Protein backbone atom coordinates (compact mmCIF):
# COMPACT_ATOMS: atom_id res chain seq x y z
CA MET A 1 0.00 0.00 0.00
CA PRO A 2 1.42 3.45 -0.90
CA GLU A 3 2.44 5.65 1.99
CA ARG A 4 -0.04 8.33 3.05
CA SER A 5 1.95 11.29 1.67
CA THR A 6 2.06 9.64 -1.77
CA ARG A 7 -1.70 9.05 -1.77
CA ASN A 8 -2.32 12.63 -0.63
CA MET A 9 -0.39 13.98 -3.64
CA PHE A 10 -3.24 12.84 -5.86
CA LEU A 11 -5.77 14.64 -3.69
CA ALA A 12 -4.12 18.05 -4.15
CA PRO A 13 -5.64 18.81 -7.59
CA ILE A 14 -9.19 17.97 -6.48
CA ARG A 15 -8.74 19.92 -3.25
CA HIS A 16 -7.54 22.92 -5.23
CA LEU A 17 -10.45 22.55 -7.64
CA ILE A 18 -12.92 22.41 -4.75
CA LEU A 19 -11.44 25.59 -3.26
CA VAL A 20 -11.65 27.34 -6.63
CA ILE A 21 -15.29 26.30 -7.11
CA VAL A 22 -16.34 27.34 -3.60
CA GLY A 23 -14.32 30.56 -3.87
CA PHE A 24 -15.97 31.59 -7.14
CA LYS A 25 -19.48 30.62 -6.06
CA GLY A 26 -19.19 32.04 -2.55
CA GLU A 27 -20.71 28.86 -1.17
CA ALA A 28 -21.57 25.47 -2.60
CA HIS A 29 -22.88 22.10 -1.47
CA GLY A 30 -21.27 18.75 -2.28
CA TYR A 31 -23.48 17.76 -5.21
CA GLU A 32 -23.05 21.21 -6.75
CA ILE A 33 -19.26 20.84 -6.46
CA LEU A 34 -19.44 17.38 -8.01
CA LYS A 35 -21.45 18.67 -10.99
CA GLU A 36 -19.09 21.63 -11.43
CA ILE A 37 -16.08 19.27 -11.55
CA GLU A 38 -17.83 17.22 -14.24
CA LYS A 39 -18.53 20.42 -16.19
CA ILE A 40 -14.93 21.69 -15.89
CA THR A 41 -13.53 18.33 -17.05
CA HIS A 42 -16.10 18.08 -19.87
CA GLY A 43 -17.48 14.93 -18.27
CA THR A 44 -14.19 13.03 -18.57
CA TRP A 45 -13.79 12.77 -14.80
CA LYS A 46 -16.63 12.08 -12.41
CA PRO A 47 -15.48 11.69 -8.81
CA SER A 48 -17.75 9.57 -6.65
CA HIS A 49 -20.06 11.14 -4.09
CA GLY A 50 -18.20 9.29 -1.34
CA ASN A 51 -14.84 10.72 -2.42
CA ILE A 52 -16.16 14.28 -2.60
CA TYR A 53 -17.81 14.17 0.81
CA THR A 54 -14.75 12.53 2.40
CA ILE A 55 -12.50 15.25 0.95
CA LEU A 56 -14.92 18.00 2.02
CA SER A 57 -14.97 16.64 5.60
CA LYS A 58 -11.18 16.52 5.68
CA MET A 59 -10.98 20.10 4.38
CA VAL A 60 -13.37 21.21 7.13
CA GLU A 61 -11.17 19.46 9.74
CA GLU A 62 -8.12 21.27 8.31
CA GLY A 63 -9.89 24.61 8.58
CA LEU A 64 -9.99 25.32 4.83
CA LEU A 65 -13.80 25.20 4.56
CA GLU A 66 -16.63 26.21 6.89
CA PRO A 67 -19.82 24.10 6.71
CA ARG A 68 -23.28 25.59 7.18
CA GLU A 69 -26.38 23.43 7.52
CA GLU A 70 -29.47 24.40 5.60
CA TYR A 71 -32.80 22.59 5.68
CA HIS A 72 -35.22 22.12 2.80
CA GLY A 73 -38.16 20.49 4.50
CA LYS A 74 -36.70 17.45 6.23
CA ARG A 75 -33.72 17.32 3.89
CA LYS A 76 -30.44 18.63 5.31
CA LEU A 77 -28.03 20.36 2.92
CA ILE A 78 -24.52 21.37 3.93
CA LYS A 79 -23.11 24.38 2.14
CA TYR A 80 -19.41 25.19 2.31
CA THR A 81 -17.61 28.53 2.28
CA LEU A 82 -13.91 29.30 2.34
CA THR A 83 -12.29 30.23 5.62
CA GLU A 84 -9.46 32.74 5.90
CA LYS A 85 -7.06 29.79 5.84
CA GLY A 86 -8.82 28.50 2.70
CA TRP A 87 -8.38 31.84 0.92
CA LYS A 88 -4.68 31.95 1.85
CA TYR A 89 -4.19 28.38 0.63
CA LEU A 90 -5.94 29.25 -2.62
CA ARG A 91 -3.77 32.34 -3.10
CA LYS A 92 -0.57 30.30 -2.71
CA ALA A 93 -1.91 27.56 -4.99
CA ASN A 94 -2.85 30.15 -7.62
CA GLU A 95 0.67 31.61 -7.59
CA LEU A 96 2.13 28.13 -7.96
CA ALA A 97 -0.32 27.34 -10.78
CA LEU A 98 0.91 30.35 -12.75
CA GLN A 99 4.52 29.24 -12.36
CA SER A 100 3.53 25.68 -13.28
CA LEU A 101 1.72 26.92 -16.39
CA TYR A 102 4.93 28.48 -17.64
CA MET A 103 6.85 25.24 -17.03
CA ALA A 104 4.09 23.15 -18.60
CA VAL A 105 4.28 25.20 -21.81
CA GLN A 106 8.06 24.69 -21.94
CA TYR A 107 7.69 20.93 -21.38
CA HIS A 108 4.88 20.71 -23.92
CA GLU A 109 7.03 22.30 -26.62
CA ALA A 110 10.12 20.22 -25.75
CA LEU A 111 8.06 17.01 -25.76
CA ARG A 112 6.44 17.91 -29.08
CA LYS A 113 9.90 18.39 -30.63
CA LYS A 114 11.19 15.12 -29.13
CA LEU A 115 8.19 13.20 -30.45
CA GLU A 116 8.78 14.64 -33.93
CA GLU A 117 12.48 13.70 -33.77
CA LEU A 118 11.57 10.13 -32.82
CA GLY A 119 9.00 9.87 -35.61
CA TYR A 120 5.94 10.04 -33.34
CA GLY A 121 4.87 13.48 -34.49
CA ARG A 122 1.66 13.81 -36.41
CA GLU A 123 0.28 16.09 -39.03
CA LEU A 124 -2.28 18.40 -37.45
CA THR A 125 -5.62 18.76 -39.20
CA LYS A 126 -6.94 22.22 -40.03
CA ASP A 127 -9.59 21.85 -37.28
CA ALA A 128 -6.95 20.86 -34.70
CA ILE A 129 -4.80 23.86 -35.64
CA GLU A 130 -7.79 26.21 -35.38
CA GLU A 131 -8.75 24.79 -31.96
CA TYR A 132 -5.15 25.03 -30.72
CA LEU A 133 -5.00 28.66 -31.88
CA LYS A 134 -8.25 29.47 -30.04
CA ILE A 135 -6.82 28.06 -26.82
CA LEU A 136 -3.53 29.93 -27.27
CA ASP A 137 -5.38 33.17 -28.04
CA ARG A 138 -7.42 32.85 -24.82
CA VAL A 139 -4.28 32.15 -22.78
CA CYS A 140 -2.50 35.11 -24.40
CA ASP A 141 -5.46 37.41 -23.69
CA ILE A 142 -5.46 36.41 -20.02
CA LEU A 143 -1.70 36.85 -19.72
CA ASP A 144 -1.74 40.20 -21.58
CA ALA A 145 -4.44 41.53 -19.25
CA LYS A 146 -2.48 40.36 -16.21
CA ARG A 147 0.70 41.94 -17.60
CA ARG A 148 -1.09 45.29 -18.00
CA VAL A 149 -2.42 45.19 -14.44
CA LEU A 150 0.98 44.31 -13.01
CA ARG A 151 2.71 47.06 -15.01
CA GLU A 152 0.15 49.59 -13.73
CA MET A 153 0.72 48.37 -10.17
CA LEU A 154 4.47 48.71 -10.59
CA GLU A 155 4.16 52.20 -12.09
CA ALA A 156 1.88 53.28 -9.22
CA LYS A 157 4.37 51.97 -6.64
CA GLU A 158 7.28 53.70 -8.39
CA LYS A 159 5.29 56.93 -8.62
CA GLY A 160 4.41 56.66 -4.91
CA ARG A 161 8.09 56.20 -4.03
CA GLU A 162 9.05 59.28 -6.09
CA GLU A 163 6.43 61.41 -4.32
CA ALA A 164 7.52 60.25 -0.85
């Protein structure tokens, strides 16, 4: 049986995804989180109800989520919100995700070249090229907007230092 730390490595992406979902929605219940994960993964990954609720309970124990009971008739619904610790965890994870994105792009390009060198490359269809370009355009738009915001922040800080 794998040691606990190894098993927990595989839980990190779903934990991060749960925090992102709850953070964006403000609050969410387990089934809502489950459906959102299915939507984000285009239905290719459907975690079981048992896994989701076990992870949610663990995240509550760790102080990342705060549960709130809500009743609809006799049916109890538990909605989760992020705690201060949850927001801080999400901030750190988001910073790491940005750094990882940069590395992933580098690895993707290096792997693509290696596959071509070894004869495993493939001719891309027109549709595949168009879809790839759409994805790259969206990523570039996001990064360009972030670059503008950061440059404005830097200019404001430099201007504030000059005035002080």
